């Protein structure tokens, strides 16, 4: 099948667009989100067990690294959705409990952190 020149160029470039890496800003936001567990005194629940901030951070970093290798994350929102919201194995939602705050889903917790980061960063 023969395509018009502009369509042919667009089709040739499309695979490169799908493999776009996160921008510098997105990488910074994701790094800050993962780091927000440090010093939080919050606990992170996955698959029915509670973990401290260091274990949670390590787990989320591994998931983020995997998504980067597979070109499956290019924004902080995608990181939250694809790595920080639920178990890839069981599908169960992750939860976070912090001293003096009600327990919540990790998606809500990280979403609030992202919003706060963006309000602080011009």
C-alpha atoms as a PDB file:
ATOM      1  CA  UNK A   1       0.000   0.000   0.000  1.00  0.00           C
ATOM      2  CA  UNK A   2       1.332   3.430  -0.919  1.00  0.00           C
ATOM      3  CA  UNK A   3       0.871   6.376   1.467  1.00  0.00           C
ATOM      4  CA  UNK A   4       1.021  10.106   0.753  1.00  0.00           C
ATOM      5  CA  UNK A   5       4.433  11.539   1.749  1.00  0.00           C
ATOM      6  CA  UNK A   6       3.249  13.258   4.949  1.00  0.00           C
ATOM      7  CA  UNK A   7       1.443  10.135   6.154  1.00  0.00           C
ATOM      8  CA  UNK A   8       4.524   8.046   5.419  1.00  0.00           C
ATOM      9  CA  UNK A   9       6.706  10.417   7.446  1.00  0.00           C
ATOM     10  CA  UNK A  10       4.223  10.399  10.344  1.00  0.00           C
ATOM     11  CA  UNK A  11       4.135   6.585  10.343  1.00  0.00           C
ATOM     12  CA  UNK A  12       7.926   6.426  10.277  1.00  0.00           C
ATOM     13  CA  UNK A  13       8.212   8.765  13.266  1.00  0.00           C
ATOM     14  CA  UNK A  14       5.376   7.245  15.321  1.00  0.00           C
ATOM     15  CA  UNK A  15       7.409   4.399  16.885  1.00  0.00           C
ATOM     16  CA  UNK A  16       9.916   6.920  18.245  1.00  0.00           C
ATOM     17  CA  UNK A  17       7.140   8.912  19.842  1.00  0.00           C
ATOM     18  CA  UNK A  18       5.818   5.862  21.651  1.00  0.00           C
ATOM     19  CA  UNK A  19       9.237   5.265  23.202  1.00  0.00           C
ATOM     20  CA  UNK A  20       9.586   8.781  24.602  1.00  0.00           C
ATOM     21  CA  UNK A  21      11.282   8.851  27.999  1.00  0.00           C
ATOM     22  CA  UNK A  22       9.981  10.927  30.889  1.00  0.00           C
ATOM     23  CA  UNK A  23      10.922  14.580  30.707  1.00  0.00           C
ATOM     24  CA  UNK A  24      13.387  16.031  33.176  1.00  0.00           C
ATOM     25  CA  UNK A  25      10.469  17.563  35.109  1.00  0.00           C
ATOM     26  CA  UNK A  26       8.605  14.234  35.202  1.00  0.00           C
ATOM     27  CA  UNK A  27      11.708  12.396  36.426  1.00  0.00           C
ATOM     28  CA  UNK A  28      12.209  15.029  39.138  1.00  0.00           C
ATOM     29  CA  UNK A  29       8.585  14.726  40.256  1.00  0.00           C
ATOM     30  CA  UNK A  30       8.723  10.926  40.365  1.00  0.00           C
ATOM     31  CA  UNK A  31      11.989  10.973  42.307  1.00  0.00           C
ATOM     32  CA  UNK A  32      10.458  13.428  44.776  1.00  0.00           C
ATOM     33  CA  UNK A  33       7.315  11.299  45.110  1.00  0.00           C
ATOM     34  CA  UNK A  34       9.328   8.187  45.892  1.00  0.00           C
ATOM     35  CA  UNK A  35      11.488  10.236  48.271  1.00  0.00           C
ATOM     36  CA  UNK A  36       8.436  11.646  50.042  1.00  0.00           C
ATOM     37  CA  UNK A  37       8.249   8.373  51.965  1.00  0.00           C
ATOM     38  CA  UNK A  38      11.579   9.165  53.654  1.00  0.00           C
ATOM     39  CA  UNK A  39      11.057  10.659  57.077  1.00  0.00           C
ATOM     40  CA  UNK A  40       7.278  10.390  56.710  1.00  0.00           C
ATOM     41  CA  UNK A  41       6.833   7.794  59.489  1.00  0.00           C
ATOM     42  CA  UNK A  42       4.134   6.365  57.239  1.00  0.00           C
ATOM     43  CA  UNK A  43       3.590   2.681  56.660  1.00  0.00           C
ATOM     44  CA  UNK A  44       2.894   1.197  53.259  1.00  0.00           C
ATOM     45  CA  UNK A  45       0.638  -1.814  52.785  1.00  0.00           C
ATOM     46  CA  UNK A  46       1.014  -4.165  49.873  1.00  0.00           C
ATOM     47  CA  UNK A  47      -0.610  -7.552  49.567  1.00  0.00           C
ATOM     48  CA  UNK A  48      -1.845  -7.450  53.153  1.00  0.00           C
ATOM     49  CA  UNK A  49       1.479  -6.687  54.854  1.00  0.00           C
ATOM     50  CA  UNK A  50       2.693  -3.357  56.222  1.00  0.00           C
ATOM     51  CA  UNK A  51       6.173  -2.031  55.419  1.00  0.00           C
ATOM     52  CA  UNK A  52       8.175   0.922  56.635  1.00  0.00           C
ATOM     53  CA  UNK A  53       9.231   3.864  54.472  1.00  0.00           C
ATOM     54  CA  UNK A  54      12.593   2.355  53.431  1.00  0.00           C
ATOM     55  CA  UNK A  55      11.065  -0.905  52.207  1.00  0.00           C
ATOM     56  CA  UNK A  56       8.251   0.944  50.445  1.00  0.00           C
ATOM     57  CA  UNK A  57      10.680   3.290  48.748  1.00  0.00           C
ATOM     58  CA  UNK A  58      12.834   0.396  47.564  1.00  0.00           C
ATOM     59  CA  UNK A  59       9.812  -1.471  46.208  1.00  0.00           C
ATOM     60  CA  UNK A  60       8.478   1.554  44.332  1.00  0.00           C
ATOM     61  CA  UNK A  61      11.917   2.364  42.937  1.00  0.00           C
ATOM     62  CA  UNK A  62      12.188  -1.178  41.537  1.00  0.00           C
ATOM     63  CA  UNK A  63       8.763  -0.861  39.938  1.00  0.00           C
ATOM     64  CA  UNK A  64       9.665   2.537  38.471  1.00  0.00           C
ATOM     65  CA  UNK A  65      12.969   1.190  37.099  1.00  0.00           C
ATOM     66  CA  UNK A  66      11.079  -1.683  35.468  1.00  0.00           C
ATOM     67  CA  UNK A  67       8.571   0.691  33.879  1.00  0.00           C
ATOM     68  CA  UNK A  68      11.404   2.869  32.578  1.00  0.00           C
ATOM     69  CA  UNK A  69      13.071  -0.135  30.919  1.00  0.00           C
ATOM     70  CA  UNK A  70       9.779  -1.050  29.261  1.00  0.00           C
ATOM     71  CA  UNK A  71       9.065   2.573  28.200  1.00  0.00           C
ATOM     72  CA  UNK A  72       5.804   2.432  30.133  1.00  0.00           C
ATOM     73  CA  UNK A  73       6.010   5.656  32.131  1.00  0.00           C
ATOM     74  CA  UNK A  74       6.477   9.219  31.003  1.00  0.00           C
ATOM     75  CA  UNK A  75       4.708  11.261  33.691  1.00  0.00           C
ATOM     76  CA  UNK A  76       4.237  11.378  37.449  1.00  0.00           C
ATOM     77  CA  UNK A  77       0.570  10.509  36.938  1.00  0.00           C
ATOM     78  CA  UNK A  78       1.550   7.358  35.049  1.00  0.00           C
ATOM     79  CA  UNK A  79       4.012   6.458  37.814  1.00  0.00           C
ATOM     80  CA  UNK A  80       1.221   6.744  40.386  1.00  0.00           C
ATOM     81  CA  UNK A  81      -1.196   4.759  38.228  1.00  0.00           C
ATOM     82  CA  UNK A  82       1.207   2.044  37.068  1.00  0.00           C
ATOM     83  CA  UNK A  83       3.614   1.645  39.991  1.00  0.00           C
ATOM     84  CA  UNK A  84       2.336   3.254  43.180  1.00  0.00           C
ATOM     85  CA  UNK A  85      -1.369   2.351  43.226  1.00  0.00           C
ATOM     86  CA  UNK A  86      -1.661  -1.406  43.270  1.00  0.00           C
ATOM     87  CA  UNK A  87       0.180  -4.685  43.212  1.00  0.00           C
ATOM     88  CA  UNK A  88       1.118  -5.894  39.759  1.00  0.00           C
ATOM     89  CA  UNK A  89       0.839  -9.453  41.021  1.00  0.00           C
ATOM     90  CA  UNK A  90      -2.419  -9.484  42.992  1.00  0.00           C
ATOM     91  CA  UNK A  91      -4.134  -6.339  41.723  1.00  0.00           C
ATOM     92  CA  UNK A  92      -4.796  -5.272  45.329  1.00  0.00           C
ATOM     93  CA  UNK A  93      -4.657  -1.551  46.021  1.00  0.00           C
ATOM     94  CA  UNK A  94      -1.718  -0.286  48.048  1.00  0.00           C
ATOM     95  CA  UNK A  95      -2.588   1.627  51.215  1.00  0.00           C
ATOM     96  CA  UNK A  96      -0.739   4.148  53.355  1.00  0.00           C
ATOM     97  CA  UNK A  97      -1.215   5.005  57.015  1.00  0.00           C
ATOM     98  CA  UNK A  98       0.543   7.909  58.629  1.00  0.00           C
ATOM     99  CA  UNK A  99       0.520   9.009  62.272  1.00  0.00           C
ATOM    100  CA  UNK A 100      -2.422  11.296  63.031  1.00  0.00           C
ATOM    101  CA  UNK A 101      -4.059  10.789  59.620  1.00  0.00           C
ATOM    102  CA  UNK A 102      -6.694   8.369  58.373  1.00  0.00           C
ATOM    103  CA  UNK A 103      -5.510   5.385  56.358  1.00  0.00           C
ATOM    104  CA  UNK A 104      -5.910   5.931  52.607  1.00  0.00           C
ATOM    105  CA  UNK A 105      -5.057   4.445  49.260  1.00  0.00           C
ATOM    106  CA  UNK A 106      -1.539   5.092  48.122  1.00  0.00           C
ATOM    107  CA  UNK A 107      -2.950   6.543  44.890  1.00  0.00           C
ATOM    108  CA  UNK A 108      -4.702   9.262  46.913  1.00  0.00           C
ATOM    109  CA  UNK A 109      -1.631   9.841  49.099  1.00  0.00           C
ATOM    110  CA  UNK A 110       0.766  10.162  46.150  1.00  0.00           C
ATOM    111  CA  UNK A 111      -1.757  12.244  44.225  1.00  0.00           C
ATOM    112  CA  UNK A 112      -1.885  14.735  47.094  1.00  0.00           C
ATOM    113  CA  UNK A 113       1.930  14.784  47.273  1.00  0.00           C
ATOM    114  CA  UNK A 114       2.142  15.466  43.533  1.00  0.00           C
ATOM    115  CA  UNK A 115      -0.330  18.324  43.801  1.00  0.00           C
ATOM    116  CA  UNK A 116       1.667  19.810  46.701  1.00  0.00           C
ATOM    117  CA  UNK A 117       4.929  19.477  44.732  1.00  0.00           C
ATOM    118  CA  UNK A 118       3.441  21.276  41.772  1.00  0.00           C
ATOM    119  CA  UNK A 119       2.087  24.091  43.917  1.00  0.00           C
ATOM    120  CA  UNK A 120       5.532  24.639  45.447  1.00  0.00           C
ATOM    121  CA  UNK A 121       7.427  24.410  42.135  1.00  0.00           C
ATOM    122  CA  UNK A 122       6.937  27.343  39.763  1.00  0.00           C
END
